[in-house]
Protein backbone atom coordinates (compact mmCIF):
# COMPACT_ATOMS: atom_id res chain seq x y z
CA MET A 1 20.56 157.10 131.28
CA LYS A 2 21.98 156.02 134.52
CA SER A 3 19.75 158.46 136.62
CA LEU A 4 16.57 156.87 135.35
CA PHE A 5 17.52 153.63 137.20
CA PRO A 6 16.87 153.89 140.80
CA ILE A 7 13.49 155.78 139.64
CA ALA A 8 12.65 152.71 137.83
CA ILE A 9 13.64 150.32 141.16
CA ILE A 10 12.17 153.14 143.38
CA LEU A 11 8.37 152.47 141.26
CA LEU A 12 8.18 149.57 140.53
CA GLY A 13 9.08 148.24 144.37
CA GLY A 14 5.65 150.91 145.15
CA VAL A 15 4.06 148.52 142.39
CA CYS A 16 4.60 145.79 144.11
CA ALA A 17 3.44 147.37 147.81
CA CYS A 18 0.28 148.04 145.98
CA PHE A 19 0.04 144.74 145.21
CA ALA A 20 0.18 142.55 148.76
CA ALA A 21 -1.81 145.71 150.62
CA ASP A 22 -4.53 144.28 148.34
CA ASP A 23 -4.17 140.62 149.51
CA LEU A 24 -5.74 138.97 152.31
CA ALA A 25 -3.82 138.05 155.55
CA VAL A 26 -5.01 134.90 157.53
CA VAL A 27 -3.87 136.60 160.89
CA VAL A 28 -3.61 134.73 164.11
CA ASN A 29 -2.99 134.95 167.56
CA LYS A 30 0.92 135.47 168.05
CA SER A 31 0.07 131.41 170.30
CA VAL A 32 -0.20 129.69 167.52
CA ALA A 33 2.72 127.76 167.31
CA LEU A 34 2.03 126.97 162.92
CA ASP A 35 4.28 129.49 160.13
CA THR A 36 1.89 128.24 157.31
CA LEU A 37 -1.17 126.57 157.33
CA SER A 38 -3.03 125.14 153.15
CA ALA A 39 -5.55 127.16 151.39
CA SER A 40 -8.16 123.97 152.13
CA ASP A 41 -6.97 124.60 156.64
CA VAL A 42 -7.41 128.44 156.11
CA ARG A 43 -10.97 127.56 154.58
CA VAL A 44 -11.67 124.56 157.01
CA MET A 45 -11.14 126.51 160.32
CA ILE A 46 -12.63 129.46 158.70
CA LEU A 47 -15.32 127.84 158.68
CA GLY A 48 -15.68 125.94 162.02
CA GLU A 49 -15.12 123.15 160.18
CA LYS A 50 -12.06 121.68 162.52
CA PRO A 51 -11.97 123.24 165.75
CA LYS A 52 -8.64 122.24 167.21
CA TRP A 53 -5.13 123.69 166.24
CA PRO A 54 -2.56 120.86 166.45
CA ASP A 55 -1.85 122.00 169.57
CA GLY A 56 -4.99 121.39 170.91
CA LYS A 57 -5.81 125.32 171.19
CA ALA A 58 -9.97 125.82 170.11
CA VAL A 59 -9.41 127.86 167.33
CA ILE A 60 -11.82 130.59 167.54
CA ALA A 61 -12.45 131.73 163.91
CA VAL A 62 -13.76 135.39 163.08
CA GLU A 63 -13.98 137.94 160.73
CA ALA A 64 -15.47 141.25 159.60
CA ALA A 65 -18.71 143.39 158.86
CA PRO A 66 -20.81 141.96 156.68
CA GLU A 67 -20.97 145.07 153.76
CA SER A 68 -16.81 145.32 154.64
CA PRO A 69 -14.21 144.53 151.68
CA GLU A 70 -12.48 142.81 154.24
CA ARG A 71 -15.31 140.17 154.23
CA ALA A 72 -16.09 140.29 150.56
CA MET A 73 -12.33 139.27 149.66
CA GLN A 74 -12.68 136.14 151.99
CA LEU A 75 -16.05 134.49 150.46
CA LYS A 76 -14.63 134.73 147.13
CA THR A 77 -10.56 133.78 148.54
CA VAL A 78 -11.32 131.80 151.00
CA ASN A 79 -14.15 130.14 151.73
CA LYS A 80 -14.94 130.16 147.99
CA MET A 81 -18.60 131.34 148.10
CA THR A 82 -21.03 133.63 148.56
CA ASP A 83 -22.65 135.26 151.18
CA ALA A 84 -26.30 133.63 150.67
CA ALA A 85 -25.03 130.00 150.28
CA LEU A 86 -22.48 130.76 153.65
CA LYS A 87 -25.84 131.44 154.81
CA ARG A 88 -27.37 128.30 152.94
CA TYR A 89 -24.14 126.53 153.94
CA TYR A 90 -24.31 127.49 158.45
CA MET A 91 -28.74 126.09 157.61
CA LEU A 92 -28.08 122.95 156.58
CA ALA A 93 -25.14 122.47 159.00
CA ALA A 94 -27.92 123.34 161.34
CA PHE A 95 -30.01 122.17 160.45
CA ASN A 96 -28.49 118.39 160.48
CA GLY A 97 -27.02 118.66 163.21
CA LYS A 98 -23.92 120.05 163.04
CA ASP A 99 -21.88 121.58 165.80
CA THR A 100 -20.51 124.17 163.26
CA ALA A 101 -20.71 128.19 163.96
CA PRO A 102 -20.72 130.83 161.65
CA PRO A 103 -17.36 133.44 162.97
CA LYS A 104 -17.92 136.06 165.28
CA ASP A 105 -17.88 139.09 162.99
CA LEU A 106 -15.97 141.50 164.51
CA PRO A 107 -17.09 145.62 163.04
CA SER A 108 -14.00 146.75 161.99
CA ALA A 109 -10.78 145.49 160.91
CA ALA A 110 -9.12 147.28 163.92
CA ALA A 111 -11.07 145.44 165.68
CA LEU A 112 -10.84 142.07 163.95
CA LYS A 113 -6.69 142.95 164.89
CA GLN A 114 -7.94 143.34 168.25
CA PHE A 115 -9.19 140.06 169.03
CA VAL A 116 -6.92 138.21 167.83
CA ALA A 117 -3.86 139.46 169.55
CA GLY A 118 -6.08 139.07 172.58
CA ASN A 119 -7.16 135.61 172.14
CA PRO A 120 -4.78 132.76 171.49
CA GLY A 121 -6.43 130.01 169.08
CA ALA A 122 -8.27 133.02 167.04
CA ILE A 123 -8.41 133.29 163.33
CA GLY A 124 -9.13 136.12 161.23
CA CYS A 125 -8.73 138.13 157.74
CA ILE A 126 -7.67 141.74 156.86
CA PHE A 127 -5.58 143.17 153.89
CA ALA A 128 -1.77 143.03 154.55
CA ALA A 129 -1.45 146.82 154.53
CA ASP A 130 -3.83 147.11 158.29
CA VAL A 131 -1.69 143.72 159.25
CA ASP A 132 0.46 145.29 162.85
CA ALA A 133 3.39 144.03 164.91
CA SER A 134 0.47 142.95 167.15
CA VAL A 135 -1.24 139.97 165.19
CA LYS A 136 1.62 137.45 163.72
CA VAL A 137 0.49 137.06 159.48
CA LEU A 138 0.72 133.14 158.50
CA LYS A 139 1.70 131.94 154.57
CA VAL A 140 -0.89 129.84 152.86
CA ASP A 141 0.12 126.82 150.90
CA GLY A 142 4.02 128.37 152.04
CA VAL A 143 3.56 131.51 150.15
CA ALA A 144 3.71 135.18 152.77
CA PRO A 145 1.19 137.98 151.09
CA GLY A 146 2.49 139.37 148.86
CA ASP A 147 4.21 137.27 146.82
CA PRO A 148 3.39 137.57 143.65
CA THR A 149 1.65 133.48 143.43
CA TYR A 150 -0.76 133.78 146.69
CA LYS A 151 -3.65 133.18 146.34
CA LEU A 152 -5.68 134.67 148.52
CA ARG A 153 -5.66 137.63 146.45
């Protein structure tokens, strides 16, 4: 019976790692001084409604390719709208004279990571499994990807 305990712990750890891999991580350039953002701040920054970081640096929002699973997850958990609703949102903003530009589309998680790493003020979303040391992961409402209460999953 004692020999099964370590195996159970290892299996449980594997399950936790799978949950974290499916989480959407908010990644920023390492120059961003914040460690956490509210879910609403992430949304308005990605949508282009909040153009500056607290230190005055410009927010540069980027997103994964339109047909990517990262983009689908971002639409659902961050933007909280469909792709069609998002397109209408930007058309309405332009019609009303708002200076709201859609985020730049990048072809892959690797390209998004590379862009964020090289551009101060950049922010985007990729799966937690794709994160590496080139970017900084922000907590959302004080909770990091992998935590059971994390909102972006």
